[in-house]
Protein backbone atom coordinates (compact mmCIF):
# COMPACT_ATOMS: atom_id res chain seq x y z
CA UNK A 1 0.00 0.00 0.00
CA UNK A 2 1.15 3.51 -0.82
CA UNK A 3 1.28 6.51 1.48
CA UNK A 4 -2.35 7.43 0.87
CA UNK A 5 -3.66 3.92 1.61
CA UNK A 6 -3.91 2.87 -2.05
CA UNK A 7 -1.93 0.21 -3.87
CA UNK A 8 0.39 1.29 -6.68
CA UNK A 9 -2.09 -0.12 -9.21
CA UNK A 10 -4.96 1.90 -7.66
CA UNK A 11 -2.82 5.05 -7.89
CA UNK A 12 -2.10 4.36 -11.57
CA UNK A 13 -5.85 3.96 -12.16
CA UNK A 14 -6.38 7.46 -10.75
CA UNK A 15 -4.42 8.77 -13.74
CA UNK A 16 -7.48 7.87 -15.83
CA UNK A 17 -9.62 10.65 -14.37
CA UNK A 18 -7.39 12.88 -12.27
CA UNK A 19 -4.02 13.51 -13.88
CA UNK A 20 -3.43 12.87 -17.58
CA UNK A 21 -6.53 14.06 -19.51
CA UNK A 22 -6.28 17.71 -20.48
CA UNK A 23 -2.49 17.89 -20.25
CA UNK A 24 -0.22 18.56 -23.23
CA UNK A 25 2.32 16.05 -24.53
CA UNK A 26 5.18 18.08 -23.01
CA UNK A 27 3.45 18.12 -19.61
CA UNK A 28 2.89 14.36 -19.81
CA UNK A 29 6.59 13.85 -20.59
CA UNK A 30 7.46 15.80 -17.44
CA UNK A 31 4.97 13.80 -15.35
CA UNK A 32 5.63 10.28 -16.67
CA UNK A 33 8.83 10.39 -18.73
CA UNK A 34 9.34 8.80 -22.12
CA UNK A 35 6.67 6.24 -23.12
CA UNK A 36 7.50 2.62 -23.96
CA UNK A 37 5.80 2.94 -27.36
CA UNK A 38 4.47 5.86 -29.39
CA UNK A 39 1.83 5.11 -32.02
CA UNK A 40 -0.60 6.84 -34.29
CA UNK A 41 -4.13 5.40 -34.33
CA UNK A 42 -4.30 1.84 -32.98
CA UNK A 43 -6.87 -0.31 -34.78
CA UNK A 44 -7.52 -3.20 -32.42
CA UNK A 45 -10.85 -4.88 -33.13
CA UNK A 46 -13.22 -4.50 -30.17
CA UNK A 47 -10.45 -3.13 -27.91
CA UNK A 48 -9.25 0.36 -27.14
CA UNK A 49 -11.91 2.23 -29.19
CA UNK A 50 -10.52 5.51 -27.83
CA UNK A 51 -7.17 4.74 -29.54
CA UNK A 52 -8.61 4.41 -33.04
CA UNK A 53 -9.42 8.11 -33.44
CA UNK A 54 -6.37 9.49 -31.65
CA UNK A 55 -3.62 11.43 -33.38
CA UNK A 56 -1.15 9.68 -31.07
CA UNK A 57 -1.19 6.97 -28.42
CA UNK A 58 1.51 6.60 -25.80
CA UNK A 59 1.98 3.32 -23.92
CA UNK A 60 3.62 3.07 -20.50
CA UNK A 61 4.33 0.04 -18.34
CA UNK A 62 2.01 0.34 -15.35
CA UNK A 63 3.21 -2.24 -12.87
CA UNK A 64 2.99 -5.99 -13.20
CA UNK A 65 1.07 -7.01 -16.31
CA UNK A 66 -0.65 -3.66 -16.92
CA UNK A 67 -0.22 -0.95 -19.54
CA UNK A 68 -1.23 2.69 -19.31
CA UNK A 69 -2.50 3.99 -22.66
CA UNK A 70 -2.67 7.77 -23.12
CA UNK A 71 -4.51 9.01 -26.22
CA UNK A 72 -3.89 12.47 -27.72
CA UNK A 73 -5.65 14.81 -30.13
CA UNK A 74 -3.94 18.01 -31.20
CA UNK A 75 -1.07 17.28 -28.77
CA UNK A 76 -3.40 17.14 -25.73
CA UNK A 77 -4.34 14.01 -23.78
CA UNK A 78 -8.07 13.28 -24.08
CA UNK A 79 -8.18 9.76 -22.64
CA UNK A 80 -6.14 7.59 -20.27
CA UNK A 81 -6.80 3.96 -19.47
CA UNK A 82 -5.03 1.18 -17.62
CA UNK A 83 -5.26 -2.03 -19.66
CA UNK A 84 -4.51 -5.59 -18.66
CA UNK A 85 -1.83 -7.93 -19.99
CA UNK A 86 -4.18 -9.62 -22.46
CA UNK A 87 -4.98 -6.30 -24.13
CA UNK A 88 -1.28 -5.43 -24.27
CA UNK A 89 -0.53 -8.77 -25.98
CA UNK A 90 -3.22 -7.98 -28.57
CA UNK A 91 -1.53 -4.60 -29.16
CA UNK A 92 1.93 -6.21 -29.50
CA UNK A 93 0.63 -8.71 -32.07
CA UNK A 94 -1.20 -5.96 -33.97
CA UNK A 95 2.03 -3.91 -34.04
CA UNK A 96 4.06 -6.90 -35.30
CA UNK A 97 1.51 -7.46 -38.10
CA UNK A 98 1.65 -3.75 -39.01
CA UNK A 99 5.44 -3.80 -39.28
CA UNK A 100 5.45 -7.09 -41.20
CA UNK A 101 2.92 -5.88 -43.76
CA UNK A 102 4.78 -2.58 -44.18
CA UNK A 103 8.31 -3.96 -44.69
CA UNK A 104 7.56 -6.80 -47.11
CA UNK A 105 9.68 -6.12 -50.22
CA UNK A 106 11.37 -2.99 -48.81
CA UNK A 107 15.11 -2.44 -48.76
CA UNK A 108 17.08 -2.67 -45.55
CA UNK A 109 17.79 1.07 -45.68
CA UNK A 110 14.05 1.86 -46.01
CA UNK A 111 13.33 -0.34 -42.99
CA UNK A 112 16.06 1.25 -40.87
CA UNK A 113 14.95 4.78 -41.81
CA UNK A 114 11.39 4.02 -40.60
CA UNK A 115 11.94 1.64 -37.66
CA UNK A 116 15.55 2.23 -36.64
CA UNK A 117 18.12 -0.49 -36.16
CA UNK A 118 16.79 -3.91 -35.19
CA UNK A 119 17.37 -5.06 -31.62
CA UNK A 120 18.98 -8.33 -32.79
CA UNK A 121 20.49 -9.72 -35.97
CA UNK A 122 21.22 -13.34 -36.86
CA UNK A 123 23.84 -14.07 -39.50
CA UNK A 124 25.01 -17.21 -41.22
CA UNK A 125 28.67 -17.79 -40.39
CA UNK A 126 31.39 -20.34 -40.92
CA UNK A 127 33.38 -20.64 -37.71
CA UNK A 128 36.13 -22.88 -36.40
CA UNK A 129 34.97 -25.12 -33.54
CA UNK A 130 37.09 -26.17 -30.53
CA UNK A 131 38.45 -29.14 -32.51
CA UNK A 132 39.69 -26.89 -35.31
CA UNK A 133 37.01 -28.01 -37.75
CA UNK A 134 35.07 -25.43 -39.77
CA UNK A 135 31.33 -25.44 -39.05
CA UNK A 136 28.37 -23.64 -40.54
CA UNK A 137 26.26 -21.92 -37.84
CA UNK A 138 23.81 -19.14 -37.18
CA UNK A 139 25.03 -16.47 -34.77
CA UNK A 140 22.67 -14.00 -33.09
CA UNK A 141 23.84 -10.79 -31.49
CA UNK A 142 22.59 -7.42 -30.44
CA UNK A 143 22.97 -4.88 -33.20
CA UNK A 144 25.88 -2.48 -32.82
CA UNK A 145 25.69 1.08 -34.09
CA UNK A 146 29.34 0.84 -35.17
CA UNK A 147 29.28 -2.37 -37.23
CA UNK A 148 27.44 -2.70 -40.56
CA UNK A 149 24.48 -5.06 -40.85
CA UNK A 150 24.83 -7.99 -43.21
CA UNK A 151 23.21 -8.13 -46.65
CA UNK A 152 21.51 -11.36 -45.57
CA UNK A 153 20.19 -12.47 -42.21
CA UNK A 154 17.33 -12.25 -39.76
CA UNK A 155 16.44 -8.97 -38.05
CA UNK A 156 14.34 -8.84 -34.91
CA UNK A 157 12.20 -5.88 -33.78
CA UNK A 158 10.52 -6.23 -30.39
CA UNK A 159 6.99 -4.80 -30.29
CA UNK A 160 6.65 -5.22 -26.52
CA UNK A 161 7.77 -7.48 -23.71
CA UNK A 162 6.24 -10.62 -25.23
CA UNK A 163 6.16 -10.22 -29.02
CA UNK A 164 8.60 -9.46 -31.82
CA UNK A 165 8.66 -9.45 -35.59
CA UNK A 166 11.50 -11.30 -37.34
CA UNK A 167 12.41 -10.07 -40.83
CA UNK A 168 14.25 -12.25 -43.32
CA UNK A 169 16.67 -10.00 -45.23
CA UNK A 170 18.05 -11.35 -48.50
CA UNK A 171 20.29 -9.23 -50.74
CA UNK A 172 19.39 -6.09 -48.72
CA UNK A 173 15.62 -6.64 -49.12
CA UNK A 174 12.95 -8.01 -46.77
CA UNK A 175 11.53 -11.15 -48.34
CA UNK A 176 9.58 -12.56 -45.38
CA UNK A 177 8.40 -11.78 -41.87
CA UNK A 178 7.33 -13.90 -38.91
CA UNK A 179 5.74 -13.00 -35.62
CA UNK A 180 7.60 -14.37 -32.59
CA UNK A 181 6.45 -14.89 -29.02
CA UNK A 182 9.20 -14.00 -26.54
CA UNK A 183 9.71 -15.95 -23.33
CA UNK A 184 11.56 -14.28 -20.48
Foldseek 3Di string as FASTA:
>chain_A
DDPVPDDLLVVLQCCFPPNAAFAFLVVVCVVPNAAPDKDAAQDQPPPDPVRNPARMWGWHDRPPQKIWIFGHHPRGTHGIDIGGNVVVVSRQVSVLVVLFVVQAFHFLVVSCVVPNAFQKKKDWDWDQDPVRDTDIDIDMDGDDPVDDDDQFTWGWHGSDDFKIKIFTHHRRGTNGIDIGTDDD
